[in-house]
Amino acid sequence: MSRSTDILISGIAGLAVGFTAGILLAPQSGKETRDQISHKVDDLVKELDTLKDKTAEMANNATNSANEAAKKEAETKS
């Protein structure tokens, strides 16, 4: 796997473990816990969207760099 994929998977796993531990150890009522879960899920969705955008940007940059390198290589061979 690539380094960015490993980082993404590690981040998601860390969030899941932390979230689960927090819920199991929470000294609060069920409604408060449900509200907290709802907020945490919203935060997680936002973070995943950010990661998705960053990953897409990195892929786009890599594609552009590869295209530029190929173009330069073709120009030097001409």
PDB file of N, CA and C in Angstrom:
ATOM      1  N   MET A   1       0.826  -1.182   0.000  1.00  0.00           N
ATOM      2  CA  MET A   1       0.000   0.000   0.000  1.00  0.00           C
ATOM      3  C   MET A   1       0.871   1.247   0.000  1.00  0.00           C
ATOM      4  N   SER A   2       0.310   2.331  -0.486  1.00  0.00           N
ATOM      5  CA  SER A   2       1.067   3.574  -0.496  1.00  0.00           C
ATOM      6  C   SER A   2       1.051   4.205   0.896  1.00  0.00           C
ATOM      7  N   ARG A   3       1.961   5.124   1.099  1.00  0.00           N
ATOM      8  CA  ARG A   3       2.091   5.764   2.410  1.00  0.00           C
ATOM      9  C   ARG A   3       0.820   6.530   2.774  1.00  0.00           C
ATOM     10  N   SER A   4       0.227   7.253   1.819  1.00  0.00           N
ATOM     11  CA  SER A   4      -0.974   8.017   2.131  1.00  0.00           C
ATOM     12  C   SER A   4      -2.157   7.108   2.442  1.00  0.00           C
ATOM     13  N   THR A   5      -2.228   5.943   1.813  1.00  0.00           N
ATOM     14  CA  THR A   5      -3.287   4.988   2.132  1.00  0.00           C
ATOM     15  C   THR A   5      -3.102   4.458   3.548  1.00  0.00           C
ATOM     16  N   ASP A   6      -1.860   4.149   3.914  1.00  0.00           N
ATOM     17  CA  ASP A   6      -1.580   3.680   5.271  1.00  0.00           C
ATOM     18  C   ASP A   6      -1.956   4.734   6.302  1.00  0.00           C
ATOM     19  N   ILE A   7      -1.632   5.989   6.015  1.00  0.00           N
ATOM     20  CA  ILE A   7      -1.961   7.076   6.939  1.00  0.00           C
ATOM     21  C   ILE A   7      -3.468   7.215   7.075  1.00  0.00           C
ATOM     22  N   LEU A   8      -4.185   7.146   5.962  1.00  0.00           N
ATOM     23  CA  LEU A   8      -5.639   7.259   5.982  1.00  0.00           C
ATOM     24  C   LEU A   8      -6.263   6.131   6.794  1.00  0.00           C
ATOM     25  N   ILE A   9      -5.825   4.911   6.561  1.00  0.00           N
ATOM     26  CA  ILE A   9      -6.363   3.758   7.293  1.00  0.00           C
ATOM     27  C   ILE A   9      -6.037   3.873   8.782  1.00  0.00           C
ATOM     28  N   SER A  10      -4.823   4.276   9.104  1.00  0.00           N
ATOM     29  CA  SER A  10      -4.436   4.442  10.508  1.00  0.00           C
ATOM     30  C   SER A  10      -5.273   5.516  11.185  1.00  0.00           C
ATOM     31  N   GLY A  11      -5.514   6.605  10.484  1.00  0.00           N
ATOM     32  CA  GLY A  11      -6.329   7.682  11.041  1.00  0.00           C
ATOM     33  C   GLY A  11      -7.751   7.240  11.319  1.00  0.00           C
ATOM     34  N   ILE A  12      -8.344   6.529  10.383  1.00  0.00           N
ATOM     35  CA  ILE A  12      -9.713   6.044  10.563  1.00  0.00           C
ATOM     36  C   ILE A  12      -9.774   5.036  11.702  1.00  0.00           C
ATOM     37  N   ALA A  13      -8.802   4.136  11.769  1.00  0.00           N
ATOM     38  CA  ALA A  13      -8.770   3.148  12.853  1.00  0.00           C
ATOM     39  C   ALA A  13      -8.608   3.839  14.202  1.00  0.00           C
ATOM     40  N   GLY A  14      -7.740   4.840  14.270  1.00  0.00           N
ATOM     41  CA  GLY A  14      -7.543   5.580  15.515  1.00  0.00           C
ATOM     42  C   GLY A  14      -8.806   6.295  15.959  1.00  0.00           C
ATOM     43  N   LEU A  15      -9.507   6.892  15.011  1.00  0.00           N
ATOM     44  CA  LEU A  15     -10.766   7.557  15.340  1.00  0.00           C
ATOM     45  C   LEU A  15     -11.788   6.556  15.872  1.00  0.00           C
ATOM     46  N   ALA A  16     -11.880   5.400  15.233  1.00  0.00           N
ATOM     47  CA  ALA A  16     -12.848   4.391  15.656  1.00  0.00           C
ATOM     48  C   ALA A  16     -12.542   3.877  17.058  1.00  0.00           C
ATOM     49  N   VAL A  17     -11.271   3.600  17.342  1.00  0.00           N
ATOM     50  CA  VAL A  17     -10.882   3.105  18.668  1.00  0.00           C
ATOM     51  C   VAL A  17     -11.146   4.167  19.727  1.00  0.00           C
ATOM     52  N   GLY A  18     -10.747   5.390  19.458  1.00  0.00           N
ATOM     53  CA  GLY A  18     -10.970   6.477  20.415  1.00  0.00           C
ATOM     54  C   GLY A  18     -12.442   6.727  20.659  1.00  0.00           C
ATOM     55  N   PHE A  19     -13.218   6.702  19.596  1.00  0.00           N
ATOM     56  CA  PHE A  19     -14.653   6.913  19.704  1.00  0.00           C
ATOM     57  C   PHE A  19     -15.299   5.821  20.552  1.00  0.00           C
ATOM     58  N   THR A  20     -14.954   4.566  20.282  1.00  0.00           N
ATOM     59  CA  THR A  20     -15.517   3.438  21.029  1.00  0.00           C
ATOM     60  C   THR A  20     -15.134   3.502  22.498  1.00  0.00           C
ATOM     61  N   ALA A  21     -13.890   3.782  22.785  1.00  0.00           N
ATOM     62  CA  ALA A  21     -13.441   3.886  24.179  1.00  0.00           C
ATOM     63  C   ALA A  21     -14.173   5.013  24.892  1.00  0.00           C
ATOM     64  N   GLY A  22     -14.348   6.125  24.220  1.00  0.00           N
ATOM     65  CA  GLY A  22     -15.056   7.256  24.816  1.00  0.00           C
ATOM     66  C   GLY A  22     -16.497   6.924  25.148  1.00  0.00           C
ATOM     67  N   ILE A  23     -17.161   6.211  24.283  1.00  0.00           N
ATOM     68  CA  ILE A  23     -18.558   5.835  24.518  1.00  0.00           C
ATOM     69  C   ILE A  23     -18.662   4.848  25.678  1.00  0.00           C
ATOM     70  N   LEU A  24     -17.775   3.866  25.707  1.00  0.00           N
ATOM     71  CA  LEU A  24     -17.832   2.851  26.760  1.00  0.00           C
ATOM     72  C   LEU A  24     -17.522   3.427  28.139  1.00  0.00           C
ATOM     73  N   LEU A  25     -16.712   4.442  28.194  1.00  0.00           N
ATOM     74  CA  LEU A  25     -16.298   5.008  29.476  1.00  0.00           C
ATOM     75  C   LEU A  25     -17.069   6.272  29.850  1.00  0.00           C
ATOM     76  N   ALA A  26     -18.049   6.648  29.060  1.00  0.00           N
ATOM     77  CA  ALA A  26     -18.777   7.899  29.288  1.00  0.00           C
ATOM     78  C   ALA A  26     -19.697   7.799  30.504  1.00  0.00           C
ATOM     79  N   PRO A  27     -19.503   8.682  31.486  1.00  0.00           N
ATOM     80  CA  PRO A  27     -20.372   8.693  32.672  1.00  0.00           C
ATOM     81  C   PRO A  27     -21.535   9.671  32.494  1.00  0.00           C
ATOM     82  N   GLN A  28     -22.387   9.414  31.513  1.00  0.00           N
ATOM     83  CA  GLN A  28     -23.487  10.334  31.252  1.00  0.00           C
ATOM     84  C   GLN A  28     -24.730   9.560  30.845  1.00  0.00           C
ATOM     85  N   SER A  29     -25.838  10.285  30.706  1.00  0.00           N
ATOM     86  CA  SER A  29     -27.106   9.642  30.371  1.00  0.00           C
ATOM     87  C   SER A  29     -27.118   9.170  28.919  1.00  0.00           C
ATOM     88  N   GLY A  30     -28.102   8.348  28.604  1.00  0.00           N
ATOM     89  CA  GLY A  30     -28.231   7.822  27.246  1.00  0.00           C
ATOM     90  C   GLY A  30     -28.459   8.917  26.219  1.00  0.00           C
ATOM     91  N   LYS A  31     -29.309   9.904  26.550  1.00  0.00           N
ATOM     92  CA  LYS A  31     -29.572  10.995  25.610  1.00  0.00           C
ATOM     93  C   LYS A  31     -28.309  11.800  25.362  1.00  0.00           C
ATOM     94  N   GLU A  32     -27.577  12.092  26.418  1.00  0.00           N
ATOM     95  CA  GLU A  32     -26.328  12.842  26.252  1.00  0.00           C
ATOM     96  C   GLU A  32     -25.332  12.052  25.398  1.00  0.00           C
ATOM     97  N   THR A  33     -25.294  10.747  25.635  1.00  0.00           N
ATOM     98  CA  THR A  33     -24.389   9.896  24.858  1.00  0.00           C
ATOM     99  C   THR A  33     -24.796   9.885  23.391  1.00  0.00           C
ATOM    100  N   ARG A  34     -26.105   9.775  23.111  1.00  0.00           N
ATOM    101  CA  ARG A  34     -26.582   9.794  21.725  1.00  0.00           C
ATOM    102  C   ARG A  34     -26.267  11.125  21.048  1.00  0.00           C
ATOM    103  N   ASP A  35     -26.453  12.223  21.783  1.00  0.00           N
ATOM    104  CA  ASP A  35     -26.110  13.539  21.230  1.00  0.00           C
ATOM    105  C   ASP A  35     -24.618  13.619  20.922  1.00  0.00           C
ATOM    106  N   GLN A  36     -23.819  13.095  21.840  1.00  0.00           N
ATOM    107  CA  GLN A  36     -22.372  13.108  21.644  1.00  0.00           C
ATOM    108  C   GLN A  36     -21.996  12.261  20.422  1.00  0.00           C
ATOM    109  N   ILE A  37     -22.624  11.097  20.288  1.00  0.00           N
ATOM    110  CA  ILE A  37     -22.363  10.234  19.133  1.00  0.00           C
ATOM    111  C   ILE A  37     -22.710  10.977  17.844  1.00  0.00           C
ATOM    112  N   SER A  38     -23.849  11.643  17.840  1.00  0.00           N
ATOM    113  CA  SER A  38     -24.277  12.384  16.656  1.00  0.00           C
ATOM    114  C   SER A  38     -23.254  13.445  16.266  1.00  0.00           C
ATOM    115  N   HIS A  39     -22.766  14.185  17.250  1.00  0.00           N
ATOM    116  CA  HIS A  39     -21.763  15.224  16.972  1.00  0.00           C
ATOM    117  C   HIS A  39     -20.455  14.609  16.487  1.00  0.00           C
ATOM    118  N   LYS A  40     -20.054  13.508  17.109  1.00  0.00           N
ATOM    119  CA  LYS A  40     -18.803  12.853  16.707  1.00  0.00           C
ATOM    120  C   LYS A  40     -18.905  12.317  15.278  1.00  0.00           C
ATOM    121  N   VAL A  41     -20.053  11.753  14.932  1.00  0.00           N
ATOM    122  CA  VAL A  41     -20.245  11.246  13.571  1.00  0.00           C
ATOM    123  C   VAL A  41     -20.182  12.399  12.573  1.00  0.00           C
ATOM    124  N   ASP A  42     -20.814  13.520  12.913  1.00  0.00           N
ATOM    125  CA  ASP A  42     -20.739  14.693  12.034  1.00  0.00           C
ATOM    126  C   ASP A  42     -19.292  15.140  11.847  1.00  0.00           C
ATOM    127  N   ASP A  43     -18.537  15.181  12.949  1.00  0.00           N
ATOM    128  CA  ASP A  43     -17.123  15.560  12.870  1.00  0.00           C
ATOM    129  C   ASP A  43     -16.339  14.577  12.004  1.00  0.00           C
ATOM    130  N   LEU A  44     -16.619  13.293  12.170  1.00  0.00           N
ATOM    131  CA  LEU A  44     -15.928  12.261  11.395  1.00  0.00           C
ATOM    132  C   LEU A  44     -16.223  12.402   9.905  1.00  0.00           C
ATOM    133  N   VAL A  45     -17.479  12.672   9.574  1.00  0.00           N
ATOM    134  CA  VAL A  45     -17.858  12.851   8.169  1.00  0.00           C
ATOM    135  C   VAL A  45     -17.114  14.046   7.574  1.00  0.00           C
ATOM    136  N   LYS A  46     -17.041  15.143   8.329  1.00  0.00           N
ATOM    137  CA  LYS A  46     -16.315  16.323   7.843  1.00  0.00           C
ATOM    138  C   LYS A  46     -14.833  16.004   7.643  1.00  0.00           C
ATOM    139  N   GLU A  47     -14.258  15.279   8.585  1.00  0.00           N
ATOM    140  CA  GLU A  47     -12.841  14.930   8.478  1.00  0.00           C
ATOM    141  C   GLU A  47     -12.592  14.006   7.281  1.00  0.00           C
ATOM    142  N   LEU A  48     -13.486  13.058   7.067  1.00  0.00           N
ATOM    143  CA  LEU A  48     -13.338  12.162   5.917  1.00  0.00           C
ATOM    144  C   LEU A  48     -13.476  12.921   4.599  1.00  0.00           C
ATOM    145  N   ASP A  49     -14.385  13.902   4.565  1.00  0.00           N
ATOM    146  CA  ASP A  49     -14.513  14.728   3.362  1.00  0.00           C
ATOM    147  C   ASP A  49     -13.224  15.500   3.094  1.00  0.00           C
ATOM    148  N   THR A  50     -12.631  16.031   4.158  1.00  0.00           N
ATOM    149  CA  THR A  50     -11.368  16.755   4.020  1.00  0.00           C
ATOM    150  C   THR A  50     -10.273  15.826   3.506  1.00  0.00           C
ATOM    151  N   LEU A  51     -10.190  14.622   4.080  1.00  0.00           N
ATOM    152  CA  LEU A  51      -9.193  13.648   3.627  1.00  0.00           C
ATOM    153  C   LEU A  51      -9.420  13.254   2.170  1.00  0.00           C
ATOM    154  N   LYS A  52     -10.679  13.099   1.800  1.00  0.00           N
ATOM    155  CA  LYS A  52     -11.014  12.750   0.416  1.00  0.00           C
ATOM    156  C   LYS A  52     -10.544  13.849  -0.527  1.00  0.00           C
ATOM    157  N   ASP A  53     -10.808  15.101  -0.154  1.00  0.00           N
ATOM    158  CA  ASP A  53     -10.390  16.224  -0.993  1.00  0.00           C
ATOM    159  C   ASP A  53      -8.866  16.303  -1.106  1.00  0.00           C
ATOM    160  N   LYS A  54      -8.180  16.102   0.021  1.00  0.00           N
ATOM    161  CA  LYS A  54      -6.715  16.144   0.000  1.00  0.00           C
ATOM    162  C   LYS A  54      -6.150  15.012  -0.853  1.00  0.00           C
ATOM    163  N   THR A  55      -6.745  13.831  -0.746  1.00  0.00           N
ATOM    164  CA  THR A  55      -6.288  12.687  -1.531  1.00  0.00           C
ATOM    165  C   THR A  55      -6.511  12.937  -3.020  1.00  0.00           C
ATOM    166  N   ALA A  56      -7.665  13.497  -3.366  1.00  0.00           N
ATOM    167  CA  ALA A  56      -7.947  13.809  -4.770  1.00  0.00           C
ATOM    168  C   ALA A  56      -6.965  14.856  -5.291  1.00  0.00           C
ATOM    169  N   GLU A  57      -6.654  15.846  -4.468  1.00  0.00           N
ATOM    170  CA  GLU A  57      -5.697  16.876  -4.873  1.00  0.00           C
ATOM    171  C   GLU A  57      -4.304  16.277  -5.077  1.00  0.00           C
ATOM    172  N   MET A  58      -3.903  15.384  -4.169  1.00  0.00           N
ATOM    173  CA  MET A  58      -2.596  14.733  -4.307  1.00  0.00           C
ATOM    174  C   MET A  58      -2.542  13.893  -5.584  1.00  0.00           C
ATOM    175  N   ALA A  59      -3.611  13.177  -5.878  1.00  0.00           N
ATOM    176  CA  ALA A  59      -3.658  12.357  -7.090  1.00  0.00           C
ATOM    177  C   ALA A  59      -3.596  13.243  -8.333  1.00  0.00           C
ATOM    178  N   ASN A  60      -4.310  14.356  -8.297  1.00  0.00           N
ATOM    179  CA  ASN A  60      -4.297  15.288  -9.425  1.00  0.00           C
ATOM    180  C   ASN A  60      -2.900  15.872  -9.625  1.00  0.00           C
ATOM    181  N   ASN A  61      -2.250  16.256  -8.532  1.00  0.00           N
ATOM    182  CA  ASN A  61      -0.887  16.791  -8.623  1.00  0.00           C
ATOM    183  C   ASN A  61       0.081  15.752  -9.185  1.00  0.00           C
ATOM    184  N   ALA A  62      -0.062  14.513  -8.743  1.00  0.00           N
ATOM    185  CA  ALA A  62       0.809  13.443  -9.236  1.00  0.00           C
ATOM    186  C   ALA A  62       0.584  13.214 -10.728  1.00  0.00           C
ATOM    187  N   THR A  63      -0.666  13.246 -11.153  1.00  0.00           N
ATOM    188  CA  THR A  63      -0.984  13.073 -12.571  1.00  0.00           C
ATOM    189  C   THR A  63      -0.391  14.206 -13.400  1.00  0.00           C
ATOM    190  N   ASN A  64      -0.557  15.431 -12.904  1.00  0.00           N
ATOM    191  CA  ASN A  64      -0.001  16.582 -13.624  1.00  0.00           C
ATOM    192  C   ASN A  64       1.522  16.498 -13.716  1.00  0.00           C
ATOM    193  N   SER A  65       2.158  16.112 -12.633  1.00  0.00           N
ATOM    194  CA  SER A  65       3.620  15.982 -12.632  1.00  0.00           C
ATOM    195  C   SER A  65       4.074  14.913 -13.618  1.00  0.00           C
ATOM    196  N   ALA A  66       3.370  13.794 -13.638  1.00  0.00           N
ATOM    197  CA  ALA A  66       3.717  12.713 -14.568  1.00  0.00           C
ATOM    198  C   ALA A  66       3.520  13.161 -16.014  1.00  0.00           C
ATOM    199  N   ASN A  67       2.440  13.878 -16.271  1.00  0.00           N
ATOM    200  CA  ASN A  67       2.191  14.373 -17.630  1.00  0.00           C
ATOM    201  C   ASN A  67       3.267  15.364 -18.064  1.00  0.00           C
ATOM    202  N   GLU A  68       3.653  16.258 -17.158  1.00  0.00           N
ATOM    203  CA  GLU A  68       4.707  17.227 -17.476  1.00  0.00           C
ATOM    204  C   GLU A  68       6.039  16.524 -17.739  1.00  0.00           C
ATOM    205  N   ALA A  69       6.357  15.534 -16.930  1.00  0.00           N
ATOM    206  CA  ALA A  69       7.606  14.791 -17.119  1.00  0.00           C
ATOM    207  C   ALA A  69       7.594  14.051 -18.455  1.00  0.00           C
ATOM    208  N   ALA A  70       6.471  13.451 -18.795  1.00  0.00           N
ATOM    209  CA  ALA A  70       6.360  12.738 -20.073  1.00  0.00           C
ATOM    210  C   ALA A  70       6.486  13.710 -21.243  1.00  0.00           C
ATOM    211  N   LYS A  71       5.882  14.890 -21.102  1.00  0.00           N
ATOM    212  CA  LYS A  71       5.959  15.895 -22.163  1.00  0.00           C
ATOM    213  C   LYS A  71       7.402  16.369 -22.352  1.00  0.00           C
ATOM    214  N   LYS A  72       8.108  16.621 -21.253  1.00  0.00           N
ATOM    215  CA  LYS A  72       9.507  17.048 -21.334  1.00  0.00           C
ATOM    216  C   LYS A  72      10.372  15.955 -21.954  1.00  0.00           C
ATOM    217  N   GLU A  73      10.102  14.730 -21.590  1.00  0.00           N
ATOM    218  CA  GLU A  73      10.858  13.597 -22.144  1.00  0.00           C
ATOM    219  C   GLU A  73      10.623  13.494 -23.647  1.00  0.00           C
ATOM    220  N   ALA A  74       9.381  13.673 -24.062  1.00  0.00           N
ATOM    221  CA  ALA A  74       9.061  13.607 -25.490  1.00  0.00           C
ATOM    222  C   ALA A  74       9.728  14.752 -26.251  1.00  0.00           C
ATOM    223  N   GLU A  75       9.783  15.931 -25.628  1.00  0.00           N
ATOM    224  CA  GLU A  75      10.413  17.086 -26.279  1.00  0.00           C
ATOM    225  C   GLU A  75      11.921  16.887 -26.436  1.00  0.00           C
ATOM    226  N   THR A  76      12.557  16.273 -25.456  1.00  0.00           N
ATOM    227  CA  THR A  76      14.003  16.059 -25.548  1.00  0.00           C
ATOM    228  C   THR A  76      14.352  14.980 -26.568  1.00  0.00           C
ATOM    229  N   LYS A  77      13.444  14.068 -26.810  1.00  0.00           N
ATOM    230  CA  LYS A  77      13.686  13.018 -27.807  1.00  0.00           C
ATOM    231  C   LYS A  77      13.463  13.533 -29.222  1.00  0.00           C
ATOM    232  N   SER A  78      12.725  14.625 -29.358  1.00  0.00           N
ATOM    233  CA  SER A  78      12.418  15.166 -30.695  1.00  0.00           C
ATOM    234  C   SER A  78      13.562  15.949 -31.264  1.00  0.00           C
TER     235      SER A  78
END
